[in-house]
Amino acid sequence: MKPASDFSACRVGWELCIREGGTRLFGKADGWDWNWEAMLQTGRIDGPNAGGDTIAAWSVASDTGHRWDGVPLRPRLGLKANIASGDRDPGDGRLGTFNPLFPRAKYFGELTPVGPLNLMNLHPSVDLTLSDDFSLSASAIAYWRMSLEDGVYDLSGNLLRSGAESRSRYIGTQGELVLSYAAGRTVEGLLSYSLFRPGSFLQDTGPAKTIHFVGMEAVFKF
């Protein structure tokens, strides 16, 4: 278990100061693996163009799975479940939208259509070991808004859709298939196909088309 940590960041240009504390529990035993995190954010928004709002946000993330090593293809079944708080009242002087601060590019897979702000999701997956070099993974992700008073954001925290025009919670569903290749520590590659089907919230608030995404990557390490 990793002890509670503390992080603080103040940016004068943003007139924003965030203090974050969290804890992490992770490990492996008898084919099971788990990685659970909880974070709490406090702080303030100051400056001539800000109202002096306080910040009170939180996030809980979990990744739990089981691998059967004695079975052909060594399958691993996994489930990720995540919640990131959203703002409940834009006029109460307290910002409740969780800020991921420095999110990695592939936060919810290869496509990642939305960011971890005002969000709940469930992410089941299955991983198969095809050979020493190749592996195949398939996953599905369902997204919902945490707070109906807040909107949907992209990975960097920019507002994609305001929450003012819909009372629907369901954002959409994503499916993904990834074929990975790794030859030792020198060469890595992957081929992926992702699909995102918009839910009722996106349909209520503007254009809502199904997204298809094909990706290919190659990494050479020297």
C-alpha atoms as a PDB file:
ATOM      1  CA  MET A   1       0.000   0.000   0.000  1.00  0.00           C
ATOM      2  CA  LYS A   2       1.337   3.383  -0.961  1.00  0.00           C
ATOM      3  CA  PRO A   3       0.899   6.030   1.751  1.00  0.00           C
ATOM      4  CA  ALA A   4      -1.093   9.182   1.197  1.00  0.00           C
ATOM      5  CA  SER A   5       0.736  11.660  -0.984  1.00  0.00           C
ATOM      6  CA  ASP A   6       0.421  15.396  -1.390  1.00  0.00           C
ATOM      7  CA  PHE A   7       0.692  17.577  -4.462  1.00  0.00           C
ATOM      8  CA  SER A   8       0.149  21.285  -4.817  1.00  0.00           C
ATOM      9  CA  ALA A   9       0.154  23.484  -7.899  1.00  0.00           C
ATOM     10  CA  CYS A  10      -0.467  27.202  -8.226  1.00  0.00           C
ATOM     11  CA  ARG A  11      -0.514  28.972 -11.591  1.00  0.00           C
ATOM     12  CA  VAL A  12      -0.831  32.752 -11.507  1.00  0.00           C
ATOM     13  CA  GLY A  13      -1.954  32.879 -15.126  1.00  0.00           C
ATOM     14  CA  TRP A  14      -4.851  30.577 -14.362  1.00  0.00           C
ATOM     15  CA  GLU A  15      -5.556  32.262 -10.994  1.00  0.00           C
ATOM     16  CA  LEU A  16      -5.850  28.703  -9.715  1.00  0.00           C
ATOM     17  CA  CYS A  17      -4.294  26.911  -6.748  1.00  0.00           C
ATOM     18  CA  ILE A  18      -4.922  23.191  -6.206  1.00  0.00           C
ATOM     19  CA  ARG A  19      -3.774  20.960  -3.369  1.00  0.00           C
ATOM     20  CA  GLU A  20      -4.209  17.235  -3.876  1.00  0.00           C
ATOM     21  CA  GLY A  21      -3.786  14.284  -1.528  1.00  0.00           C
ATOM     22  CA  GLY A  22      -4.318  10.638  -2.295  1.00  0.00           C
ATOM     23  CA  THR A  23      -3.615   7.033  -1.512  1.00  0.00           C
ATOM     24  CA  ARG A  24      -3.034   3.891  -3.575  1.00  0.00           C
ATOM     25  CA  LEU A  25      -3.442   0.191  -2.866  1.00  0.00           C
ATOM     26  CA  PHE A  26      -1.972  -2.296  -5.341  1.00  0.00           C
ATOM     27  CA  GLY A  27      -0.660  -5.841  -5.496  1.00  0.00           C
ATOM     28  CA  LYS A  28      -0.857  -9.389  -6.883  1.00  0.00           C
ATOM     29  CA  ALA A  29      -1.824 -12.715  -5.294  1.00  0.00           C
ATOM     30  CA  ASP A  30      -3.091 -16.115  -6.542  1.00  0.00           C
ATOM     31  CA  GLY A  31      -3.725 -14.884 -10.085  1.00  0.00           C
ATOM     32  CA  TRP A  32      -5.452 -11.689  -8.922  1.00  0.00           C
ATOM     33  CA  ASP A  33      -4.088  -8.205  -9.478  1.00  0.00           C
ATOM     34  CA  TRP A  34      -5.474  -4.900  -8.227  1.00  0.00           C
ATOM     35  CA  ASN A  35      -4.672  -1.205  -8.394  1.00  0.00           C
ATOM     36  CA  TRP A  36      -6.996   1.132  -6.481  1.00  0.00           C
ATOM     37  CA  GLU A  37      -6.585   4.886  -5.976  1.00  0.00           C
ATOM     38  CA  ALA A  38      -8.465   7.655  -4.173  1.00  0.00           C
ATOM     39  CA  MET A  39      -7.727  11.382  -4.470  1.00  0.00           C
ATOM     40  CA  LEU A  40      -9.031  14.530  -2.832  1.00  0.00           C
ATOM     41  CA  GLN A  41      -8.548  18.062  -4.167  1.00  0.00           C
ATOM     42  CA  THR A  42      -8.912  21.353  -2.327  1.00  0.00           C
ATOM     43  CA  GLY A  43      -7.837  24.869  -3.210  1.00  0.00           C
ATOM     44  CA  ARG A  44      -9.061  28.209  -4.470  1.00  0.00           C
ATOM     45  CA  ILE A  45      -9.615  30.301  -7.594  1.00  0.00           C
ATOM     46  CA  ASP A  46      -8.397  33.877  -7.117  1.00  0.00           C
ATOM     47  CA  GLY A  47      -7.676  36.951  -9.199  1.00  0.00           C
ATOM     48  CA  PRO A  48      -9.413  39.969 -10.741  1.00  0.00           C
ATOM     49  CA  ASN A  49     -11.450  37.777 -13.099  1.00  0.00           C
ATOM     50  CA  ALA A  50     -12.356  35.125 -10.542  1.00  0.00           C
ATOM     51  CA  GLY A  51     -14.903  35.087  -7.764  1.00  0.00           C
ATOM     52  CA  GLY A  52     -12.685  33.616  -5.073  1.00  0.00           C
ATOM     53  CA  ASP A  53     -14.334  30.191  -5.369  1.00  0.00           C
ATOM     54  CA  THR A  54     -13.008  27.310  -3.309  1.00  0.00           C
ATOM     55  CA  ILE A  55     -12.228  23.873  -4.765  1.00  0.00           C
ATOM     56  CA  ALA A  56     -13.595  20.632  -3.295  1.00  0.00           C
ATOM     57  CA  ALA A  57     -13.315  17.661  -5.670  1.00  0.00           C
ATOM     58  CA  TRP A  58     -12.455  13.977  -5.536  1.00  0.00           C
ATOM     59  CA  SER A  59     -11.839  10.867  -7.600  1.00  0.00           C
ATOM     60  CA  VAL A  60     -11.822   7.092  -7.033  1.00  0.00           C
ATOM     61  CA  ALA A  61     -10.297   4.701  -9.585  1.00  0.00           C
ATOM     62  CA  SER A  62      -9.959   0.933  -9.549  1.00  0.00           C
ATOM     63  CA  ASP A  63      -8.475  -1.755 -11.793  1.00  0.00           C
ATOM     64  CA  THR A  64      -9.061  -5.375 -10.733  1.00  0.00           C
ATOM     65  CA  GLY A  65      -8.373  -8.537 -12.713  1.00  0.00           C
ATOM     66  CA  HIS A  66      -7.645 -12.240 -12.664  1.00  0.00           C
ATOM     67  CA  ARG A  67      -5.344 -14.171 -14.990  1.00  0.00           C
ATOM     68  CA  TRP A  68      -5.491 -17.940 -15.569  1.00  0.00           C
ATOM     69  CA  ASP A  69      -1.860 -18.906 -16.298  1.00  0.00           C
ATOM     70  CA  GLY A  70      -2.596 -22.612 -16.638  1.00  0.00           C
ATOM     71  CA  VAL A  71      -5.186 -22.118 -19.381  1.00  0.00           C
ATOM     72  CA  PRO A  72      -4.372 -21.767 -23.121  1.00  0.00           C
ATOM     73  CA  LEU A  73      -3.873 -18.106 -24.133  1.00  0.00           C
ATOM     74  CA  ARG A  74      -3.487 -17.191 -20.412  1.00  0.00           C
ATOM     75  CA  PRO A  75      -6.685 -15.096 -20.386  1.00  0.00           C
ATOM     76  CA  ARG A  76      -7.055 -12.162 -18.027  1.00  0.00           C
ATOM     77  CA  LEU A  77     -10.495 -10.780 -17.221  1.00  0.00           C
ATOM     78  CA  GLY A  78     -10.431  -7.257 -15.855  1.00  0.00           C
ATOM     79  CA  LEU A  79     -12.770  -4.560 -14.677  1.00  0.00           C
ATOM     80  CA  LYS A  80     -11.969  -0.887 -14.215  1.00  0.00           C
ATOM     81  CA  ALA A  81     -14.424   1.352 -12.388  1.00  0.00           C
ATOM     82  CA  ASN A  82     -13.825   5.080 -12.041  1.00  0.00           C
ATOM     83  CA  ILE A  83     -15.634   8.079 -10.589  1.00  0.00           C
ATOM     84  CA  ALA A  84     -14.519  11.713 -10.893  1.00  0.00           C
ATOM     85  CA  SER A  85     -16.623  14.353  -9.178  1.00  0.00           C
ATOM     86  CA  GLY A  86     -18.494  17.094 -11.010  1.00  0.00           C
ATOM     87  CA  ASP A  87     -19.776  20.507  -9.998  1.00  0.00           C
ATOM     88  CA  ARG A  88     -23.262  20.422  -8.437  1.00  0.00           C
ATOM     89  CA  ASP A  89     -24.076  24.147  -8.396  1.00  0.00           C
ATOM     90  CA  PRO A  90     -22.266  26.707 -10.597  1.00  0.00           C
ATOM     91  CA  GLY A  91     -23.376  29.534  -8.322  1.00  0.00           C
ATOM     92  CA  ASP A  92     -22.492  28.212  -4.863  1.00  0.00           C
ATOM     93  CA  GLY A  93     -18.901  29.504  -4.790  1.00  0.00           C
ATOM     94  CA  ARG A  94     -17.379  26.017  -4.705  1.00  0.00           C
ATOM     95  CA  LEU A  95     -15.915  24.203  -7.720  1.00  0.00           C
ATOM     96  CA  GLY A  96     -16.603  20.464  -7.494  1.00  0.00           C
ATOM     97  CA  THR A  97     -15.196  19.342 -10.864  1.00  0.00           C
ATOM     98  CA  PHE A  98     -12.200  17.052 -10.421  1.00  0.00           C
ATOM     99  CA  ASN A  99      -9.070  18.224 -12.283  1.00  0.00           C
ATOM    100  CA  PRO A 100      -6.789  15.352 -13.475  1.00  0.00           C
ATOM    101  CA  LEU A 101      -3.920  17.905 -13.748  1.00  0.00           C
ATOM    102  CA  PHE A 102      -1.524  15.842 -15.930  1.00  0.00           C
ATOM    103  CA  PRO A 103      -3.499  13.003 -17.557  1.00  0.00           C
ATOM    104  CA  ARG A 104      -1.737  10.567 -19.863  1.00  0.00           C
ATOM    105  CA  ALA A 105      -2.747  10.633 -23.517  1.00  0.00           C
ATOM    106  CA  LYS A 106      -4.477   7.212 -23.589  1.00  0.00           C
ATOM    107  CA  TYR A 107      -6.468   7.587 -20.395  1.00  0.00           C
ATOM    108  CA  PHE A 108      -9.392   5.384 -21.494  1.00  0.00           C
ATOM    109  CA  GLY A 109      -7.706   3.451 -24.273  1.00  0.00           C
ATOM    110  CA  GLU A 110      -6.542   4.347 -27.760  1.00  0.00           C
ATOM    111  CA  LEU A 111      -9.507   6.621 -28.539  1.00  0.00           C
ATOM    112  CA  THR A 112     -10.273   8.391 -25.208  1.00  0.00           C
ATOM    113  CA  PRO A 113     -13.182  10.579 -26.446  1.00  0.00           C
ATOM    114  CA  VAL A 114     -13.810  12.205 -23.045  1.00  0.00           C
ATOM    115  CA  GLY A 115     -11.667  13.139 -20.056  1.00  0.00           C
ATOM    116  CA  PRO A 116     -11.829  12.073 -16.382  1.00  0.00           C
ATOM    117  CA  LEU A 117     -13.863  15.074 -15.183  1.00  0.00           C
ATOM    118  CA  ASN A 118     -17.471  14.770 -13.950  1.00  0.00           C
ATOM    119  CA  LEU A 119     -17.442  11.157 -15.029  1.00  0.00           C
ATOM    120  CA  MET A 120     -18.410   7.638 -14.038  1.00  0.00           C
ATOM    121  CA  ASN A 121     -17.399   4.652 -16.140  1.00  0.00           C
ATOM    122  CA  LEU A 122     -17.238   0.881 -16.188  1.00  0.00           C
ATOM    123  CA  HIS A 123     -14.531  -0.760 -18.294  1.00  0.00           C
ATOM    124  CA  PRO A 124     -14.582  -4.588 -18.614  1.00  0.00           C
ATOM    125  CA  SER A 125     -11.812  -6.190 -20.661  1.00  0.00           C
ATOM    126  CA  VAL A 126     -10.262  -9.498 -21.700  1.00  0.00           C
ATOM    127  CA  ASP A 127      -6.576  -9.970 -22.560  1.00  0.00           C
ATOM    128  CA  LEU A 128      -5.200 -12.986 -24.430  1.00  0.00           C
ATOM    129  CA  THR A 129      -1.558 -14.041 -24.888  1.00  0.00           C
ATOM    130  CA  LEU A 130      -1.352 -15.291 -28.465  1.00  0.00           C
ATOM    131  CA  SER A 131       2.379 -16.058 -28.416  1.00  0.00           C
ATOM    132  CA  ASP A 132       5.603 -14.840 -26.820  1.00  0.00           C
ATOM    133  CA  ASP A 133       5.436 -11.739 -29.038  1.00  0.00           C
ATOM    134  CA  PHE A 134       1.730 -11.093 -29.685  1.00  0.00           C
ATOM    135  CA  SER A 135      -1.211 -10.321 -27.407  1.00  0.00           C
ATOM    136  CA  LEU A 136      -4.826  -9.377 -28.087  1.00  0.00           C
ATOM    137  CA  SER A 137      -7.151  -7.309 -25.906  1.00  0.00           C
ATOM    138  CA  ALA A 138     -10.838  -6.453 -26.226  1.00  0.00           C
ATOM    139  CA  SER A 139     -12.700  -3.982 -24.046  1.00  0.00           C
ATOM    140  CA  ALA A 140     -15.903  -1.999 -23.699  1.00  0.00           C
ATOM    141  CA  ILE A 141     -16.401   1.243 -21.774  1.00  0.00           C
ATOM    142  CA  ALA A 142     -19.661   2.884 -20.716  1.00  0.00           C
ATOM    143  CA  TYR A 143     -19.585   6.568 -19.680  1.00  0.00           C
ATOM    144  CA  TRP A 144     -22.016   8.567 -17.538  1.00  0.00           C
ATOM    145  CA  ARG A 145     -21.991  12.060 -16.048  1.00  0.00           C
ATOM    146  CA  MET A 146     -21.441  12.138 -12.294  1.00  0.00           C
ATOM    147  CA  SER A 147     -23.306  15.416 -11.750  1.00  0.00           C
ATOM    148  CA  LEU A 148     -26.254  16.425 -13.922  1.00  0.00           C
ATOM    149  CA  GLU A 149     -25.425  20.079 -13.258  1.00  0.00           C
ATOM    150  CA  ASP A 150     -22.012  19.760 -14.944  1.00  0.00           C
ATOM    151  CA  GLY A 151     -20.994  19.021 -18.528  1.00  0.00           C
ATOM    152  CA  VAL A 152     -18.613  16.742 -20.435  1.00  0.00           C
ATOM    153  CA  TYR A 153     -14.926  17.580 -20.882  1.00  0.00           C
ATOM    154  CA  ASP A 154     -12.053  16.471 -23.084  1.00  0.00           C
ATOM    155  CA  LEU A 155      -8.807  14.980 -21.778  1.00  0.00           C
ATOM    156  CA  SER A 156      -7.160  18.372 -21.202  1.00  0.00           C
ATOM    157  CA  GLY A 157     -10.136  19.720 -19.253  1.00  0.00           C
ATOM    158  CA  ASN A 158     -11.810  21.817 -21.953  1.00  0.00           C
ATOM    159  CA  LEU A 159     -15.609  21.800 -21.845  1.00  0.00           C
ATOM    160  CA  LEU A 160     -17.050  19.828 -24.784  1.00  0.00           C
ATOM    161  CA  ARG A 161     -20.757  20.062 -23.914  1.00  0.00           C
ATOM    162  CA  SER A 162     -22.481  22.118 -21.241  1.00  0.00           C
ATOM    163  CA  GLY A 163     -24.761  20.257 -18.864  1.00  0.00           C
ATOM    164  CA  ALA A 164     -27.437  22.957 -18.975  1.00  0.00           C
ATOM    165  CA  GLU A 165     -29.356  21.572 -21.951  1.00  0.00           C
ATOM    166  CA  SER A 166     -29.967  17.973 -20.877  1.00  0.00           C
ATOM    167  CA  ARG A 167     -30.904  15.988 -17.772  1.00  0.00           C
ATOM    168  CA  SER A 168     -29.553  12.773 -19.246  1.00  0.00           C
ATOM    169  CA  ARG A 169     -26.622  11.078 -17.543  1.00  0.00           C
ATOM    170  CA  TYR A 170     -25.546   8.618 -20.261  1.00  0.00           C
ATOM    171  CA  ILE A 171     -22.666   9.938 -22.430  1.00  0.00           C
ATOM    172  CA  GLY A 172     -21.918   6.946 -24.630  1.00  0.00           C
ATOM    173  CA  THR A 173     -20.241   3.568 -25.077  1.00  0.00           C
ATOM    174  CA  GLN A 174     -16.827   2.724 -26.482  1.00  0.00           C
ATOM    175  CA  GLY A 175     -15.533  -0.580 -27.844  1.00  0.00           C
ATOM    176  CA  GLU A 176     -11.917  -1.361 -28.599  1.00  0.00           C
ATOM    177  CA  LEU A 177      -9.759  -4.144 -30.040  1.00  0.00           C
ATOM    178  CA  VAL A 178      -5.956  -3.964 -29.779  1.00  0.00           C
ATOM    179  CA  LEU A 179      -3.324  -6.317 -31.221  1.00  0.00           C
ATOM    180  CA  SER A 180       0.064  -5.725 -29.574  1.00  0.00           C
ATOM    181  CA  TYR A 181       3.552  -6.890 -30.528  1.00  0.00           C
ATOM    182  CA  ALA A 182       6.689  -6.826 -28.393  1.00  0.00           C
ATOM    183  CA  ALA A 183      10.040  -8.314 -29.384  1.00  0.00           C
ATOM    184  CA  GLY A 184      12.062  -8.060 -26.196  1.00  0.00           C
ATOM    185  CA  ARG A 185      12.842  -4.505 -25.171  1.00  0.00           C
ATOM    186  CA  THR A 186      13.792  -3.239 -28.612  1.00  0.00           C
ATOM    187  CA  VAL A 187      10.697  -3.234 -30.836  1.00  0.00           C
ATOM    188  CA  GLU A 188       7.062  -2.678 -29.891  1.00  0.00           C
ATOM    189  CA  GLY A 189       3.988  -2.117 -32.023  1.00  0.00           C
ATOM    190  CA  LEU A 190       0.221  -2.190 -31.985  1.00  0.00           C
ATOM    191  CA  LEU A 191      -2.776  -2.101 -34.296  1.00  0.00           C
ATOM    192  CA  SER A 192      -6.081  -0.911 -32.864  1.00  0.00           C
ATOM    193  CA  TYR A 193      -9.688  -0.327 -33.819  1.00  0.00           C
ATOM    194  CA  SER A 194     -11.981   1.753 -31.606  1.00  0.00           C
ATOM    195  CA  LEU A 195     -15.626   2.754 -31.883  1.00  0.00           C
ATOM    196  CA  PHE A 196     -17.549   5.301 -29.831  1.00  0.00           C
ATOM    197  CA  ARG A 197     -21.348   5.401 -29.992  1.00  0.00           C
ATOM    198  CA  PRO A 198     -22.866   8.585 -28.493  1.00  0.00           C
ATOM    199  CA  GLY A 199     -25.493   8.283 -25.783  1.00  0.00           C
ATOM    200  CA  SER A 200     -28.561  10.299 -24.927  1.00  0.00           C
ATOM    201  CA  PHE A 201     -26.687  13.250 -23.381  1.00  0.00           C
ATOM    202  CA  LEU A 202     -24.651  13.923 -26.528  1.00  0.00           C
ATOM    203  CA  GLN A 203     -27.728  13.402 -28.699  1.00  0.00           C
ATOM    204  CA  ASP A 204     -29.611  15.988 -26.630  1.00  0.00           C
ATOM    205  CA  THR A 205     -26.909  18.644 -26.788  1.00  0.00           C
ATOM    206  CA  GLY A 206     -25.634  18.765 -30.369  1.00  0.00           C
ATOM    207  CA  PRO A 207     -24.128  16.684 -33.196  1.00  0.00           C
ATOM    208  CA  ALA A 208     -23.797  13.051 -32.145  1.00  0.00           C
ATOM    209  CA  LYS A 209     -22.173  10.782 -34.704  1.00  0.00           C
ATOM    210  CA  THR A 210     -20.532   7.416 -34.152  1.00  0.00           C
ATOM    211  CA  ILE A 211     -16.726   7.694 -34.165  1.00  0.00           C
ATOM    212  CA  HIS A 212     -14.532   5.057 -35.813  1.00  0.00           C
ATOM    213  CA  PHE A 213     -10.802   5.146 -35.085  1.00  0.00           C
ATOM    214  CA  VAL A 214      -7.985   2.995 -36.477  1.00  0.00           C
ATOM    215  CA  GLY A 215      -4.523   3.366 -35.023  1.00  0.00           C
ATOM    216  CA  MET A 216      -1.093   1.967 -35.704  1.00  0.00           C
ATOM    217  CA  GLU A 217       2.053   2.489 -33.656  1.00  0.00           C
ATOM    218  CA  ALA A 218       5.673   1.345 -33.820  1.00  0.00           C
ATOM    219  CA  VAL A 219       8.323   1.972 -31.171  1.00  0.00           C
ATOM    220  CA  PHE A 220      12.051   1.296 -31.584  1.00  0.00           C
ATOM    221  CA  LYS A 221      14.269   1.531 -28.508  1.00  0.00           C
ATOM    222  CA  PHE A 222      18.024   1.930 -28.702  1.00  0.00           C
END
